Amino acid sequence: IDDPEFWPWYTKITPIEHISRLPIASRPVS
């Protein structure tokens, strides 16, 4: 997870951007 290329890869293949906008949590994703 500390590989410099990891975060761009993770955000590209997972729906994390859209999970961050789901109205389901008591606290923000970030």
PDB file of all heavy atoms in Angstrom:
ATOM      1  N   ILE A   1       0.804  -1.225   0.000  1.00  0.00           N
ATOM      2  CA  ILE A   1       0.000   0.000   0.000  1.00  0.00           C
ATOM      3  C   ILE A   1       0.838   1.277   0.000  1.00  0.00           C
ATOM      4  O   ILE A   1       0.317   2.354  -0.317  1.00  0.00           O
ATOM      5  CB  ILE A   1      -0.990   0.015   1.183  1.00  0.00           C
ATOM      6  CG1 ILE A   1      -0.261   0.110   2.532  1.00  0.00           C
ATOM      7  CG2 ILE A   1      -1.880  -1.215   1.150  1.00  0.00           C
ATOM      8  CD1 ILE A   1      -1.206   0.255   3.724  1.00  0.00           C
ATOM      9  N   ASP A   2       2.136   1.178   0.330  1.00  0.00           N
ATOM     10  CA  ASP A   2       2.985   2.371   0.319  1.00  0.00           C
ATOM     11  C   ASP A   2       3.697   2.577  -1.014  1.00  0.00           C
ATOM     12  O   ASP A   2       4.430   3.558  -1.183  1.00  0.00           O
ATOM     13  CB  ASP A   2       4.033   2.290   1.439  1.00  0.00           C
ATOM     14  CG  ASP A   2       3.416   2.466   2.819  1.00  0.00           C
ATOM     15  OD1 ASP A   2       2.312   3.040   2.904  1.00  0.00           O
ATOM     16  OD2 ASP A   2       4.027   2.030   3.811  1.00  0.00           O
ATOM     17  N   ASP A   3       3.498   1.657  -1.953  1.00  0.00           N
ATOM     18  CA  ASP A   3       4.073   1.831  -3.283  1.00  0.00           C
ATOM     19  C   ASP A   3       3.523   3.136  -3.895  1.00  0.00           C
ATOM     20  O   ASP A   3       2.318   3.375  -3.848  1.00  0.00           O
ATOM     21  CB  ASP A   3       3.697   0.634  -4.168  1.00  0.00           C
ATOM     22  CG  ASP A   3       4.421   0.640  -5.506  1.00  0.00           C
ATOM     23  OD1 ASP A   3       4.217   1.597  -6.281  1.00  0.00           O
ATOM     24  OD2 ASP A   3       5.165  -0.316  -5.784  1.00  0.00           O
ATOM     25  N   PRO A   4       4.392   3.987  -4.450  1.00  0.00           N
ATOM     26  CA  PRO A   4       3.930   5.263  -5.005  1.00  0.00           C
ATOM     27  C   PRO A   4       2.856   5.118  -6.082  1.00  0.00           C
ATOM     28  O   PRO A   4       2.052   6.035  -6.292  1.00  0.00           O
ATOM     29  CB  PRO A   4       5.210   5.875  -5.597  1.00  0.00           C
ATOM     30  CG  PRO A   4       6.333   5.209  -4.866  1.00  0.00           C
ATOM     31  CD  PRO A   4       5.855   3.829  -4.540  1.00  0.00           C
ATOM     32  N   GLU A   5       2.832   3.969  -6.755  1.00  0.00           N
ATOM     33  CA  GLU A   5       1.850   3.770  -7.823  1.00  0.00           C
ATOM     34  C   GLU A   5       0.562   3.128  -7.315  1.00  0.00           C
ATOM     35  O   GLU A   5      -0.395   2.964  -8.091  1.00  0.00           O
ATOM     36  CB  GLU A   5       2.455   2.881  -8.919  1.00  0.00           C
ATOM     37  CG  GLU A   5       3.690   3.480  -9.586  1.00  0.00           C
ATOM     38  CD  GLU A   5       4.324   2.509 -10.562  1.00  0.00           C
ATOM     39  OE1 GLU A   5       3.733   1.448 -10.823  1.00  0.00           O
ATOM     40  OE2 GLU A   5       5.414   2.813 -11.064  1.00  0.00           O
ATOM     41  N   PHE A   6       0.519   2.790  -6.027  1.00  0.00           N
ATOM     42  CA  PHE A   6      -0.615   2.028  -5.529  1.00  0.00           C
ATOM     43  C   PHE A   6      -1.916   2.830  -5.488  1.00  0.00           C
ATOM     44  O   PHE A   6      -2.961   2.370  -5.948  1.00  0.00           O
ATOM     45  CB  PHE A   6      -0.321   1.467  -4.135  1.00  0.00           C
ATOM     46  CG  PHE A   6      -1.525   0.822  -3.504  1.00  0.00           C
ATOM     47  CD1 PHE A   6      -1.898  -0.458  -3.858  1.00  0.00           C
ATOM     48  CD2 PHE A   6      -2.314   1.522  -2.594  1.00  0.00           C
ATOM     49  CE1 PHE A   6      -3.033  -1.046  -3.319  1.00  0.00           C
ATOM     50  CE2 PHE A   6      -3.447   0.943  -2.041  1.00  0.00           C
ATOM     51  CZ  PHE A   6      -3.804  -0.344  -2.404  1.00  0.00           C
ATOM     52  N   TRP A   7      -1.895   4.037  -4.889  1.00  0.00           N
ATOM     53  CA  TRP A   7      -3.134   4.794  -4.708  1.00  0.00           C
ATOM     54  C   TRP A   7      -3.821   5.116  -6.041  1.00  0.00           C
ATOM     55  O   TRP A   7      -5.050   4.927  -6.153  1.00  0.00           O
ATOM     56  CB  TRP A   7      -2.864   6.060  -3.901  1.00  0.00           C
ATOM     57  CG  TRP A   7      -4.087   6.903  -3.679  1.00  0.00           C
ATOM     58  CD1 TRP A   7      -4.334   8.149  -4.184  1.00  0.00           C
ATOM     59  CD2 TRP A   7      -5.244   6.570  -2.906  1.00  0.00           C
ATOM     60  NE1 TRP A   7      -5.558   8.611  -3.771  1.00  0.00           N
ATOM     61  CE2 TRP A   7      -6.140   7.665  -2.988  1.00  0.00           C
ATOM     62  CE3 TRP A   7      -5.614   5.456  -2.150  1.00  0.00           C
ATOM     63  CZ2 TRP A   7      -7.383   7.679  -2.340  1.00  0.00           C
ATOM     64  CZ3 TRP A   7      -6.849   5.464  -1.508  1.00  0.00           C
ATOM     65  CH2 TRP A   7      -7.712   6.566  -1.604  1.00  0.00           C
ATOM     66  N   PRO A   8      -3.095   5.565  -7.070  1.00  0.00           N
ATOM     67  CA  PRO A   8      -3.764   5.768  -8.368  1.00  0.00           C
ATOM     68  C   PRO A   8      -4.396   4.486  -8.910  1.00  0.00           C
ATOM     69  O   PRO A   8      -5.483   4.522  -9.498  1.00  0.00           O
ATOM     70  CB  PRO A   8      -2.633   6.258  -9.279  1.00  0.00           C
ATOM     71  CG  PRO A   8      -1.645   6.859  -8.353  1.00  0.00           C
ATOM     72  CD  PRO A   8      -1.695   6.020  -7.111  1.00  0.00           C
ATOM     73  N   TRP A   9      -3.728   3.356  -8.697  1.00  0.00           N
ATOM     74  CA  TRP A   9      -4.280   2.065  -9.138  1.00  0.00           C
ATOM     75  C   TRP A   9      -5.542   1.722  -8.360  1.00  0.00           C
ATOM     76  O   TRP A   9      -6.551   1.335  -8.939  1.00  0.00           O
ATOM     77  CB  TRP A   9      -3.216   0.986  -8.942  1.00  0.00           C
ATOM     78  CG  TRP A   9      -3.655  -0.408  -9.303  1.00  0.00           C
ATOM     79  CD1 TRP A   9      -3.687  -0.971 -10.548  1.00  0.00           C
ATOM     80  CD2 TRP A   9      -4.101  -1.429  -8.398  1.00  0.00           C
ATOM     81  NE1 TRP A   9      -4.116  -2.276 -10.491  1.00  0.00           N
ATOM     82  CE2 TRP A   9      -4.390  -2.586  -9.177  1.00  0.00           C
ATOM     83  CE3 TRP A   9      -4.287  -1.495  -7.020  1.00  0.00           C
ATOM     84  CZ2 TRP A   9      -4.858  -3.775  -8.611  1.00  0.00           C
ATOM     85  CZ3 TRP A   9      -4.747  -2.679  -6.453  1.00  0.00           C
ATOM     86  CH2 TRP A   9      -5.023  -3.799  -7.251  1.00  0.00           C
ATOM     87  N   TYR A  10      -5.489   1.890  -7.056  1.00  0.00           N
ATOM     88  CA  TYR A  10      -6.625   1.567  -6.190  1.00  0.00           C
ATOM     89  C   TYR A  10      -7.841   2.415  -6.544  1.00  0.00           C
ATOM     90  O   TYR A  10      -8.968   1.907  -6.626  1.00  0.00           O
ATOM     91  CB  TYR A  10      -6.206   1.783  -4.736  1.00  0.00           C
ATOM     92  CG  TYR A  10      -7.290   1.642  -3.703  1.00  0.00           C
ATOM     93  CD1 TYR A  10      -7.694   0.392  -3.247  1.00  0.00           C
ATOM     94  CD2 TYR A  10      -7.904   2.769  -3.153  1.00  0.00           C
ATOM     95  CE1 TYR A  10      -8.687   0.260  -2.277  1.00  0.00           C
ATOM     96  CE2 TYR A  10      -8.886   2.650  -2.186  1.00  0.00           C
ATOM     97  CZ  TYR A  10      -9.279   1.400  -1.754  1.00  0.00           C
ATOM     98  OH  TYR A  10     -10.257   1.287  -0.804  1.00  0.00           O
ATOM     99  N   THR A  11      -7.645   3.702  -6.737  1.00  0.00           N
ATOM    100  CA  THR A  11      -8.771   4.579  -7.052  1.00  0.00           C
ATOM    101  C   THR A  11      -9.311   4.314  -8.459  1.00  0.00           C
ATOM    102  O   THR A  11     -10.477   4.603  -8.733  1.00  0.00           O
ATOM    103  CB  THR A  11      -8.364   6.061  -6.947  1.00  0.00           C
ATOM    104  OG1 THR A  11      -7.229   6.315  -7.785  1.00  0.00           O
ATOM    105  CG2 THR A  11      -8.026   6.413  -5.504  1.00  0.00           C
ATOM    106  N   LYS A  12      -8.478   3.762  -9.325  1.00  0.00           N
ATOM    107  CA  LYS A  12      -8.919   3.457 -10.690  1.00  0.00           C
ATOM    108  C   LYS A  12      -9.765   2.195 -10.750  1.00  0.00           C
ATOM    109  O   LYS A  12     -10.763   2.137 -11.480  1.00  0.00           O
ATOM    110  CB  LYS A  12      -7.697   3.305 -11.608  1.00  0.00           C
ATOM    111  CG  LYS A  12      -8.059   3.106 -13.072  1.00  0.00           C
ATOM    112  CD  LYS A  12      -6.812   3.081 -13.948  1.00  0.00           C
ATOM    113  CE  LYS A  12      -7.186   2.980 -15.429  1.00  0.00           C
ATOM    114  NZ  LYS A  12      -5.996   3.009 -16.299  1.00  0.00           N
ATOM    115  N   ILE A  13      -9.398   1.170  -9.968  1.00  0.00           N
ATOM    116  CA  ILE A  13     -10.093  -0.122 -10.094  1.00  0.00           C
ATOM    117  C   ILE A  13     -11.249  -0.293  -9.116  1.00  0.00           C
ATOM    118  O   ILE A  13     -12.104  -1.149  -9.317  1.00  0.00           O
ATOM    119  CB  ILE A  13      -9.113  -1.307  -9.930  1.00  0.00           C
ATOM    120  CG1 ILE A  13      -8.655  -1.431  -8.468  1.00  0.00           C
ATOM    121  CG2 ILE A  13      -7.948  -1.194 -10.892  1.00  0.00           C
ATOM    122  CD1 ILE A  13      -8.200  -2.806  -8.085  1.00  0.00           C
ATOM    123  N   THR A  14     -11.294   0.498  -8.047  1.00  0.00           N
ATOM    124  CA  THR A  14     -12.360   0.349  -7.052  1.00  0.00           C
ATOM    125  C   THR A  14     -13.344   1.522  -7.160  1.00  0.00           C
ATOM    126  O   THR A  14     -13.002   2.584  -7.684  1.00  0.00           O
ATOM    127  CB  THR A  14     -11.810   0.315  -5.611  1.00  0.00           C
ATOM    128  OG1 THR A  14     -11.375   1.644  -5.242  1.00  0.00           O
ATOM    129  CG2 THR A  14     -10.651  -0.660  -5.477  1.00  0.00           C
ATOM    130  N   PRO A  15     -14.553   1.362  -6.630  1.00  0.00           N
ATOM    131  CA  PRO A  15     -15.519   2.466  -6.638  1.00  0.00           C
ATOM    132  C   PRO A  15     -15.391   3.379  -5.422  1.00  0.00           C
ATOM    133  O   PRO A  15     -16.387   3.909  -4.928  1.00  0.00           O
ATOM    134  CB  PRO A  15     -16.858   1.731  -6.640  1.00  0.00           C
ATOM    135  CG  PRO A  15     -16.596   0.488  -5.863  1.00  0.00           C
ATOM    136  CD  PRO A  15     -15.166   0.094  -6.179  1.00  0.00           C
ATOM    137  N   ILE A  16     -14.177   3.573  -4.901  1.00  0.00           N
ATOM    138  CA  ILE A  16     -13.981   4.352  -3.684  1.00  0.00           C
ATOM    139  C   ILE A  16     -14.500   5.786  -3.852  1.00  0.00           C
ATOM    140  O   ILE A  16     -15.062   6.372  -2.921  1.00  0.00           O
ATOM    141  CB  ILE A  16     -12.497   4.355  -3.237  1.00  0.00           C
ATOM    142  CG1 ILE A  16     -12.321   5.079  -1.900  1.00  0.00           C
ATOM    143  CG2 ILE A  16     -11.605   4.961  -4.322  1.00  0.00           C
ATOM    144  CD1 ILE A  16     -13.036   4.436  -0.744  1.00  0.00           C
ATOM    145  N   GLU A  17     -14.352   6.353  -5.059  1.00  0.00           N
ATOM    146  CA  GLU A  17     -14.844   7.716  -5.295  1.00  0.00           C
ATOM    147  C   GLU A  17     -16.350   7.796  -5.058  1.00  0.00           C
ATOM    148  O   GLU A  17     -16.857   8.772  -4.491  1.00  0.00           O
ATOM    149  CB  GLU A  17     -14.526   8.144  -6.734  1.00  0.00           C
ATOM    150  CG  GLU A  17     -15.137   9.485  -7.105  1.00  0.00           C
ATOM    151  CD  GLU A  17     -14.995   9.802  -8.587  1.00  0.00           C
ATOM    152  OE1 GLU A  17     -14.269   9.080  -9.294  1.00  0.00           O
ATOM    153  OE2 GLU A  17     -15.637  10.780  -9.032  1.00  0.00           O
ATOM    154  N   HIS A  18     -17.067   6.775  -5.455  1.00  0.00           N
ATOM    155  CA  HIS A  18     -18.526   6.776  -5.341  1.00  0.00           C
ATOM    156  C   HIS A  18     -18.975   6.356  -3.938  1.00  0.00           C
ATOM    157  O   HIS A  18     -19.980   6.859  -3.434  1.00  0.00           O
ATOM    158  CB  HIS A  18     -19.115   5.861  -6.413  1.00  0.00           C
ATOM    159  CG  HIS A  18     -18.599   6.187  -7.776  1.00  0.00           C
ATOM    160  ND1 HIS A  18     -19.042   7.272  -8.492  1.00  0.00           N
ATOM    161  CD2 HIS A  18     -17.619   5.602  -8.530  1.00  0.00           C
ATOM    162  CE1 HIS A  18     -18.388   7.336  -9.640  1.00  0.00           C
ATOM    163  NE2 HIS A  18     -17.530   6.330  -9.685  1.00  0.00           N
ATOM    164  N   ILE A  19     -18.219   5.462  -3.315  1.00  0.00           N
ATOM    165  CA  ILE A  19     -18.487   5.112  -1.913  1.00  0.00           C
ATOM    166  C   ILE A  19     -18.382   6.354  -1.038  1.00  0.00           C
ATOM    167  O   ILE A  19     -19.158   6.537  -0.096  1.00  0.00           O
ATOM    168  CB  ILE A  19     -17.511   4.010  -1.441  1.00  0.00           C
ATOM    169  CG1 ILE A  19     -17.850   2.676  -2.128  1.00  0.00           C
ATOM    170  CG2 ILE A  19     -17.548   3.854   0.072  1.00  0.00           C
ATOM    171  CD1 ILE A  19     -16.818   1.579  -1.891  1.00  0.00           C
ATOM    172  N   SER A  20     -17.434   7.236  -1.375  1.00  0.00           N
ATOM    173  CA  SER A  20     -17.243   8.454  -0.579  1.00  0.00           C
ATOM    174  C   SER A  20     -18.435   9.387  -0.651  1.00  0.00           C
ATOM    175  O   SER A  20     -18.586  10.287   0.179  1.00  0.00           O
ATOM    176  CB  SER A  20     -15.981   9.192  -1.051  1.00  0.00           C
ATOM    177  OG  SER A  20     -16.176   9.749  -2.341  1.00  0.00           O
ATOM    178  N   ARG A  21     -19.317   9.173  -1.640  1.00  0.00           N
ATOM    179  CA  ARG A  21     -20.487  10.040  -1.808  1.00  0.00           C
ATOM    180  C   ARG A  21     -21.798   9.359  -1.407  1.00  0.00           C
ATOM    181  O   ARG A  21     -22.861   9.960  -1.519  1.00  0.00           O
ATOM    182  CB  ARG A  21     -20.568  10.515  -3.264  1.00  0.00           C
ATOM    183  CG  ARG A  21     -19.360  11.337  -3.680  1.00  0.00           C
ATOM    184  CD  ARG A  21     -19.433  11.757  -5.137  1.00  0.00           C
ATOM    185  NE  ARG A  21     -18.219  12.434  -5.550  1.00  0.00           N
ATOM    186  CZ  ARG A  21     -17.956  13.732  -5.340  1.00  0.00           C
ATOM    187  NH1 ARG A  21     -18.860  14.482  -4.729  1.00  0.00           N
ATOM    188  NH2 ARG A  21     -16.830  14.269  -5.747  1.00  0.00           N
ATOM    189  N   LEU A  22     -21.715   8.121  -0.960  1.00  0.00           N
ATOM    190  CA  LEU A  22     -22.929   7.434  -0.515  1.00  0.00           C
ATOM    191  C   LEU A  22     -23.444   8.050   0.786  1.00  0.00           C
ATOM    192  O   LEU A  22     -22.661   8.268   1.717  1.00  0.00           O
ATOM    193  CB  LEU A  22     -22.643   5.944  -0.286  1.00  0.00           C
ATOM    194  CG  LEU A  22     -22.542   5.051  -1.515  1.00  0.00           C
ATOM    195  CD1 LEU A  22     -22.000   3.680  -1.107  1.00  0.00           C
ATOM    196  CD2 LEU A  22     -23.895   4.888  -2.187  1.00  0.00           C
ATOM    197  N   PRO A  23     -24.738   8.312   0.888  1.00  0.00           N
ATOM    198  CA  PRO A  23     -25.298   8.921   2.115  1.00  0.00           C
ATOM    199  C   PRO A  23     -25.613   7.853   3.157  1.00  0.00           C
ATOM    200  O   PRO A  23     -26.768   7.671   3.554  1.00  0.00           O
ATOM    201  CB  PRO A  23     -26.563   9.606   1.599  1.00  0.00           C
ATOM    202  CG  PRO A  23     -27.014   8.715   0.476  1.00  0.00           C
ATOM    203  CD  PRO A  23     -25.750   8.179  -0.171  1.00  0.00           C
ATOM    204  N   ILE A  24     -24.588   7.125   3.626  1.00  0.00           N
ATOM    205  CA  ILE A  24     -24.865   6.006   4.528  1.00  0.00           C
ATOM    206  C   ILE A  24     -24.100   6.068   5.832  1.00  0.00           C
ATOM    207  O   ILE A  24     -24.289   5.219   6.683  1.00  0.00           O
ATOM    208  CB  ILE A  24     -24.535   4.660   3.845  1.00  0.00           C
ATOM    209  CG1 ILE A  24     -23.055   4.605   3.453  1.00  0.00           C
ATOM    210  CG2 ILE A  24     -25.432   4.423   2.646  1.00  0.00           C
ATOM    211  CD1 ILE A  24     -22.607   3.234   2.949  1.00  0.00           C
ATOM    212  N   ALA A  25     -23.223   7.037   5.998  1.00  0.00           N
ATOM    213  CA  ALA A  25     -22.340   7.003   7.170  1.00  0.00           C
ATOM    214  C   ALA A  25     -22.584   8.190   8.081  1.00  0.00           C
ATOM    215  O   ALA A  25     -23.037   9.247   7.651  1.00  0.00           O
ATOM    216  CB  ALA A  25     -20.877   6.978   6.726  1.00  0.00           C
ATOM    217  N   SER A  26     -22.246   8.007   9.352  1.00  0.00           N
ATOM    218  CA  SER A  26     -22.363   9.102  10.312  1.00  0.00           C
ATOM    219  C   SER A  26     -21.163  10.034  10.222  1.00  0.00           C
ATOM    220  O   SER A  26     -21.207  11.164  10.697  1.00  0.00           O
ATOM    221  CB  SER A  26     -22.461   8.544  11.732  1.00  0.00           C
ATOM    222  OG  SER A  26     -21.321   7.768  12.036  1.00  0.00           O
ATOM    223  N   ARG A  27     -20.080   9.549   9.596  1.00  0.00           N
ATOM    224  CA  ARG A  27     -18.883  10.372   9.435  1.00  0.00           C
ATOM    225  C   ARG A  27     -18.452  10.322   7.968  1.00  0.00           C
ATOM    226  O   ARG A  27     -18.722   9.350   7.272  1.00  0.00           O
ATOM    227  CB  ARG A  27     -17.745   9.840  10.320  1.00  0.00           C
ATOM    228  CG  ARG A  27     -18.027   9.950  11.800  1.00  0.00           C
ATOM    229  CD  ARG A  27     -16.862   9.453  12.615  1.00  0.00           C
ATOM    230  NE  ARG A  27     -16.628   8.037  12.412  1.00  0.00           N
ATOM    231  CZ  ARG A  27     -15.591   7.366  12.929  1.00  0.00           C
ATOM    232  NH1 ARG A  27     -14.697   7.991  13.640  1.00  0.00           N
ATOM    233  NH2 ARG A  27     -15.455   6.072  12.719  1.00  0.00           N
ATOM    234  N   PRO A  28     -17.755  11.349   7.490  1.00  0.00           N
ATOM    235  CA  PRO A  28     -17.300  11.320   6.096  1.00  0.00           C
ATOM    236  C   PRO A  28     -16.264  10.225   5.878  1.00  0.00           C
ATOM    237  O   PRO A  28     -15.592   9.779   6.812  1.00  0.00           O
ATOM    238  CB  PRO A  28     -16.675  12.705   5.898  1.00  0.00           C
ATOM    239  CG  PRO A  28     -16.329  13.175   7.271  1.00  0.00           C
ATOM    240  CD  PRO A  28     -17.365  12.596   8.175  1.00  0.00           C
ATOM    241  N   VAL A  29     -16.130   9.783   4.618  1.00  0.00           N
ATOM    242  CA  VAL A  29     -15.170   8.739   4.269  1.00  0.00           C
ATOM    243  C   VAL A  29     -13.751   9.151   4.618  1.00  0.00           C
ATOM    244  O   VAL A  29     -12.949   8.355   5.091  1.00  0.00           O
ATOM    245  CB  VAL A  29     -15.285   8.422   2.760  1.00  0.00           C
ATOM    246  CG1 VAL A  29     -14.076   7.624   2.280  1.00  0.00           C
ATOM    247  CG2 VAL A  29     -16.555   7.632   2.501  1.00  0.00           C
ATOM    248  N   SER A  30     -13.445  10.406   4.369  1.00  0.00           N
ATOM    249  CA  SER A  30     -12.116  10.933   4.660  1.00  0.00           C
ATOM    250  C   SER A  30     -12.168  11.866   5.857  1.00  0.00           C
ATOM    251  O   SER A  30     -13.172  12.549   6.082  1.00  0.00           O
ATOM    252  CB  SER A  30     -11.570  11.692   3.442  1.00  0.00           C
ATOM    253  OG  SER A  30     -10.391  12.395   3.768  1.00  0.00           O
TER     254      SER A  30
END
